Amino acid sequence: MDPYAKVAYLNGEKSPAQLKADKMWGFDYQFGVVSKDLNMIKDAHSKGITVNVWTVNKPEQMDEFLAAGVDFLTTDEPELALEKVKNK
């Protein structure tokens, strides 16, 4: 109801184009959804949509998503993620 609220979509089945049309601020998808098509990240950014991926706990997955340009990364391993971000 707040027109200034930043809303991210969670379900995982909508494309960045659909989210843009629905005036979403971003998407917050489980890592398995985004892993199927990493181009989804660039597509989202080209439409002004932010990207959060959850729950990424494995180092190699963190590397993959950070290299692909995610805006946010949800993890149970924050110390590891912080090291990855510092070394990026």
N, C-alpha and C. Protein backbone atom coordinates (compact mmCIF):
# COMPACT_ATOMS: atom_id res chain seq x y z
N MET A 1 0.81 -1.19 0.00
CA MET A 1 0.00 0.00 0.00
C MET A 1 0.86 1.26 0.00
N ASP A 2 2.11 1.12 0.45
CA ASP A 2 3.02 2.25 0.47
C ASP A 2 3.63 2.41 -0.92
N PRO A 3 3.36 3.50 -1.61
CA PRO A 3 3.88 3.66 -2.97
C PRO A 3 5.40 3.78 -3.03
N TYR A 4 6.05 3.99 -1.89
CA TYR A 4 7.50 4.12 -1.86
C TYR A 4 8.20 2.85 -1.37
N ALA A 5 7.43 1.84 -1.04
CA ALA A 5 8.01 0.57 -0.57
C ALA A 5 8.75 -0.11 -1.72
N LYS A 6 9.90 -0.68 -1.40
CA LYS A 6 10.67 -1.44 -2.38
C LYS A 6 10.25 -2.89 -2.25
N VAL A 7 9.63 -3.41 -3.30
CA VAL A 7 9.07 -4.76 -3.25
C VAL A 7 9.82 -5.67 -4.22
N ALA A 8 10.30 -6.81 -3.67
CA ALA A 8 10.97 -7.82 -4.49
C ALA A 8 10.08 -9.06 -4.55
N TYR A 9 10.01 -9.64 -5.71
CA TYR A 9 9.16 -10.81 -5.94
C TYR A 9 9.91 -12.08 -5.59
N LEU A 10 9.23 -13.02 -4.91
CA LEU A 10 9.90 -14.22 -4.38
C LEU A 10 9.64 -15.53 -5.10
N ASN A 11 8.55 -15.69 -5.79
CA ASN A 11 8.15 -17.01 -6.27
C ASN A 11 9.11 -17.67 -7.25
N GLY A 12 9.66 -16.93 -8.18
CA GLY A 12 10.65 -17.50 -9.08
C GLY A 12 10.19 -17.80 -10.49
N GLU A 13 8.90 -17.66 -10.77
CA GLU A 13 8.44 -18.04 -12.10
C GLU A 13 8.29 -16.86 -13.07
N LYS A 14 8.45 -15.63 -12.59
CA LYS A 14 8.27 -14.47 -13.47
C LYS A 14 9.60 -14.00 -14.02
N SER A 15 9.57 -13.59 -15.27
CA SER A 15 10.76 -13.06 -15.94
C SER A 15 10.99 -11.61 -15.50
N PRO A 16 12.21 -11.11 -15.71
CA PRO A 16 12.45 -9.70 -15.41
C PRO A 16 11.48 -8.76 -16.16
N ALA A 17 11.13 -9.09 -17.38
CA ALA A 17 10.18 -8.25 -18.13
C ALA A 17 8.82 -8.22 -17.44
N GLN A 18 8.36 -9.35 -16.96
CA GLN A 18 7.09 -9.39 -16.24
C GLN A 18 7.16 -8.59 -14.95
N LEU A 19 8.27 -8.71 -14.25
CA LEU A 19 8.44 -7.97 -13.00
C LEU A 19 8.47 -6.47 -13.24
N LYS A 20 9.12 -6.05 -14.31
CA LYS A 20 9.15 -4.63 -14.68
C LYS A 20 7.73 -4.14 -14.97
N ALA A 21 6.98 -4.93 -15.71
CA ALA A 21 5.60 -4.56 -16.03
C ALA A 21 4.74 -4.47 -14.78
N ASP A 22 5.06 -5.29 -13.79
CA ASP A 22 4.32 -5.28 -12.52
C ASP A 22 4.87 -4.25 -11.53
N LYS A 23 5.85 -3.47 -11.98
CA LYS A 23 6.46 -2.41 -11.18
C LYS A 23 7.14 -2.92 -9.90
N MET A 24 7.77 -4.10 -10.03
CA MET A 24 8.54 -4.66 -8.92
C MET A 24 9.91 -3.98 -8.87
N TRP A 25 10.45 -3.82 -7.68
CA TRP A 25 11.78 -3.25 -7.47
C TRP A 25 12.85 -4.27 -7.80
N GLY A 26 12.55 -5.55 -7.51
CA GLY A 26 13.54 -6.58 -7.75
C GLY A 26 12.97 -7.96 -7.66
N PHE A 27 13.86 -8.95 -7.82
CA PHE A 27 13.45 -10.32 -7.54
C PHE A 27 14.39 -10.92 -6.52
N ASP A 28 13.84 -11.87 -5.78
CA ASP A 28 14.53 -12.52 -4.67
C ASP A 28 14.26 -14.01 -4.85
N TYR A 29 15.06 -14.66 -5.71
CA TYR A 29 14.80 -16.04 -6.12
C TYR A 29 15.79 -17.02 -5.51
N GLN A 30 15.32 -18.23 -5.29
CA GLN A 30 16.15 -19.32 -4.80
C GLN A 30 17.25 -19.59 -5.83
N PHE A 31 18.44 -19.94 -5.36
CA PHE A 31 19.60 -20.04 -6.26
C PHE A 31 19.39 -21.02 -7.41
N GLY A 32 18.62 -22.08 -7.20
CA GLY A 32 18.39 -23.06 -8.27
C GLY A 32 17.65 -22.46 -9.45
N VAL A 33 16.77 -21.51 -9.20
CA VAL A 33 16.02 -20.84 -10.27
C VAL A 33 16.97 -20.02 -11.13
N VAL A 34 17.83 -19.25 -10.48
CA VAL A 34 18.74 -18.35 -11.20
C VAL A 34 19.86 -19.13 -11.87
N SER A 35 20.29 -20.23 -11.26
CA SER A 35 21.36 -21.06 -11.85
C SER A 35 20.99 -21.60 -13.22
N LYS A 36 19.72 -21.81 -13.46
CA LYS A 36 19.26 -22.34 -14.76
C LYS A 36 19.52 -21.37 -15.90
N ASP A 37 19.57 -20.05 -15.57
CA ASP A 37 19.80 -19.05 -16.61
C ASP A 37 20.42 -17.81 -15.99
N LEU A 38 21.74 -17.78 -15.91
CA LEU A 38 22.43 -16.64 -15.31
C LEU A 38 22.23 -15.35 -16.10
N ASN A 39 21.82 -15.46 -17.36
CA ASN A 39 21.53 -14.26 -18.15
C ASN A 39 20.36 -13.48 -17.59
N MET A 40 19.57 -14.14 -16.74
CA MET A 40 18.45 -13.49 -16.08
C MET A 40 18.93 -12.29 -15.26
N ILE A 41 20.15 -12.36 -14.74
CA ILE A 41 20.70 -11.28 -13.92
C ILE A 41 20.93 -10.04 -14.78
N LYS A 42 21.59 -10.21 -15.92
CA LYS A 42 21.82 -9.07 -16.82
C LYS A 42 20.51 -8.52 -17.36
N ASP A 43 19.58 -9.42 -17.67
CA ASP A 43 18.27 -9.01 -18.17
C ASP A 43 17.56 -8.16 -17.12
N ALA A 44 17.60 -8.60 -15.87
CA ALA A 44 16.97 -7.84 -14.79
C ALA A 44 17.60 -6.46 -14.65
N HIS A 45 18.93 -6.42 -14.65
CA HIS A 45 19.61 -5.13 -14.50
C HIS A 45 19.30 -4.19 -15.66
N SER A 46 19.17 -4.73 -16.86
CA SER A 46 18.86 -3.88 -18.01
C SER A 46 17.46 -3.25 -17.90
N LYS A 47 16.64 -3.86 -17.07
CA LYS A 47 15.27 -3.35 -16.86
C LYS A 47 15.14 -2.60 -15.54
N GLY A 48 16.27 -2.39 -14.85
CA GLY A 48 16.24 -1.66 -13.59
C GLY A 48 15.74 -2.49 -12.41
N ILE A 49 15.83 -3.81 -12.53
CA ILE A 49 15.36 -4.74 -11.49
C ILE A 49 16.57 -5.22 -10.70
N THR A 50 16.48 -5.19 -9.36
CA THR A 50 17.57 -5.71 -8.53
C THR A 50 17.44 -7.22 -8.40
N VAL A 51 18.57 -7.85 -8.04
CA VAL A 51 18.63 -9.31 -7.98
C VAL A 51 19.19 -9.76 -6.62
N ASN A 52 18.40 -10.55 -5.91
CA ASN A 52 18.87 -11.25 -4.72
C ASN A 52 18.72 -12.74 -4.96
N VAL A 53 19.73 -13.50 -4.56
CA VAL A 53 19.71 -14.96 -4.71
C VAL A 53 19.88 -15.57 -3.32
N TRP A 54 19.05 -16.57 -3.02
CA TRP A 54 19.10 -17.23 -1.71
C TRP A 54 19.08 -18.73 -1.84
N THR A 55 19.36 -19.44 -0.93
CA THR A 55 20.32 -19.30 0.15
C THR A 55 21.60 -19.95 -0.35
N VAL A 56 22.59 -19.13 -0.60
CA VAL A 56 23.83 -19.55 -1.24
C VAL A 56 24.90 -19.76 -0.15
N ASN A 57 25.26 -21.02 0.07
CA ASN A 57 26.20 -21.34 1.14
C ASN A 57 27.53 -21.94 0.65
N LYS A 58 27.55 -22.46 -0.57
CA LYS A 58 28.77 -23.09 -1.09
C LYS A 58 29.67 -22.04 -1.74
N PRO A 59 30.97 -22.13 -1.46
CA PRO A 59 31.91 -21.13 -2.01
C PRO A 59 31.85 -20.99 -3.52
N GLU A 60 31.77 -22.11 -4.23
CA GLU A 60 31.76 -22.03 -5.70
C GLU A 60 30.48 -21.38 -6.22
N GLN A 61 29.38 -21.56 -5.52
CA GLN A 61 28.14 -20.90 -5.92
C GLN A 61 28.23 -19.40 -5.65
N MET A 62 28.82 -19.03 -4.53
CA MET A 62 29.03 -17.61 -4.24
C MET A 62 29.84 -16.97 -5.34
N ASP A 63 30.94 -17.62 -5.73
CA ASP A 63 31.79 -17.10 -6.81
C ASP A 63 30.98 -16.90 -8.09
N GLU A 64 30.18 -17.90 -8.43
CA GLU A 64 29.40 -17.85 -9.66
C GLU A 64 28.42 -16.67 -9.66
N PHE A 65 27.68 -16.51 -8.59
CA PHE A 65 26.67 -15.45 -8.53
C PHE A 65 27.29 -14.07 -8.41
N LEU A 66 28.36 -13.96 -7.65
CA LEU A 66 29.03 -12.67 -7.54
C LEU A 66 29.63 -12.26 -8.88
N ALA A 67 30.23 -13.21 -9.59
CA ALA A 67 30.79 -12.91 -10.92
C ALA A 67 29.69 -12.51 -11.90
N ALA A 68 28.51 -13.08 -11.72
CA ALA A 68 27.38 -12.77 -12.62
C ALA A 68 26.75 -11.42 -12.28
N GLY A 69 27.09 -10.85 -11.12
CA GLY A 69 26.64 -9.49 -10.81
C GLY A 69 25.41 -9.35 -9.93
N VAL A 70 25.10 -10.36 -9.11
CA VAL A 70 23.94 -10.20 -8.22
C VAL A 70 24.13 -8.97 -7.33
N ASP A 71 23.02 -8.36 -6.97
CA ASP A 71 23.06 -7.20 -6.08
C ASP A 71 23.12 -7.62 -4.62
N PHE A 72 22.44 -8.72 -4.31
CA PHE A 72 22.35 -9.21 -2.94
C PHE A 72 22.50 -10.73 -2.95
N LEU A 73 23.06 -11.24 -1.87
CA LEU A 73 23.27 -12.67 -1.72
C LEU A 73 22.84 -13.03 -0.30
N THR A 74 21.86 -13.91 -0.17
CA THR A 74 21.44 -14.39 1.14
C THR A 74 22.17 -15.69 1.42
N THR A 75 22.75 -15.79 2.62
CA THR A 75 23.57 -16.94 2.96
C THR A 75 23.51 -17.23 4.45
N ASP A 76 23.81 -18.48 4.80
CA ASP A 76 24.01 -18.87 6.19
C ASP A 76 25.49 -18.78 6.56
N GLU A 77 26.32 -18.37 5.60
CA GLU A 77 27.77 -18.29 5.78
C GLU A 77 28.25 -16.85 5.52
N PRO A 78 27.84 -15.89 6.36
CA PRO A 78 28.18 -14.49 6.07
C PRO A 78 29.67 -14.18 6.09
N GLU A 79 30.43 -14.86 6.94
CA GLU A 79 31.87 -14.59 6.98
C GLU A 79 32.53 -14.99 5.66
N LEU A 80 32.14 -16.14 5.13
CA LEU A 80 32.66 -16.60 3.85
C LEU A 80 32.25 -15.64 2.73
N ALA A 81 30.99 -15.23 2.73
CA ALA A 81 30.51 -14.30 1.71
C ALA A 81 31.26 -12.97 1.78
N LEU A 82 31.52 -12.48 2.97
CA LEU A 82 32.24 -11.23 3.12
C LEU A 82 33.65 -11.35 2.55
N GLU A 83 34.31 -12.45 2.79
CA GLU A 83 35.64 -12.67 2.21
C GLU A 83 35.57 -12.70 0.69
N LYS A 84 34.54 -13.34 0.15
CA LYS A 84 34.38 -13.41 -1.31
C LYS A 84 34.20 -12.01 -1.88
N VAL A 85 33.38 -11.21 -1.22
CA VAL A 85 33.11 -9.85 -1.70
C VAL A 85 34.37 -8.99 -1.61
N LYS A 86 35.11 -9.12 -0.53
CA LYS A 86 36.35 -8.35 -0.36
C LYS A 86 37.37 -8.70 -1.44
N ASN A 87 37.42 -9.97 -1.84
CA ASN A 87 38.41 -10.45 -2.81
C ASN A 87 37.93 -10.34 -4.25
N LYS A 88 36.75 -9.84 -4.46
CA LYS A 88 36.18 -9.75 -5.81
C LYS A 88 36.88 -8.71 -6.63
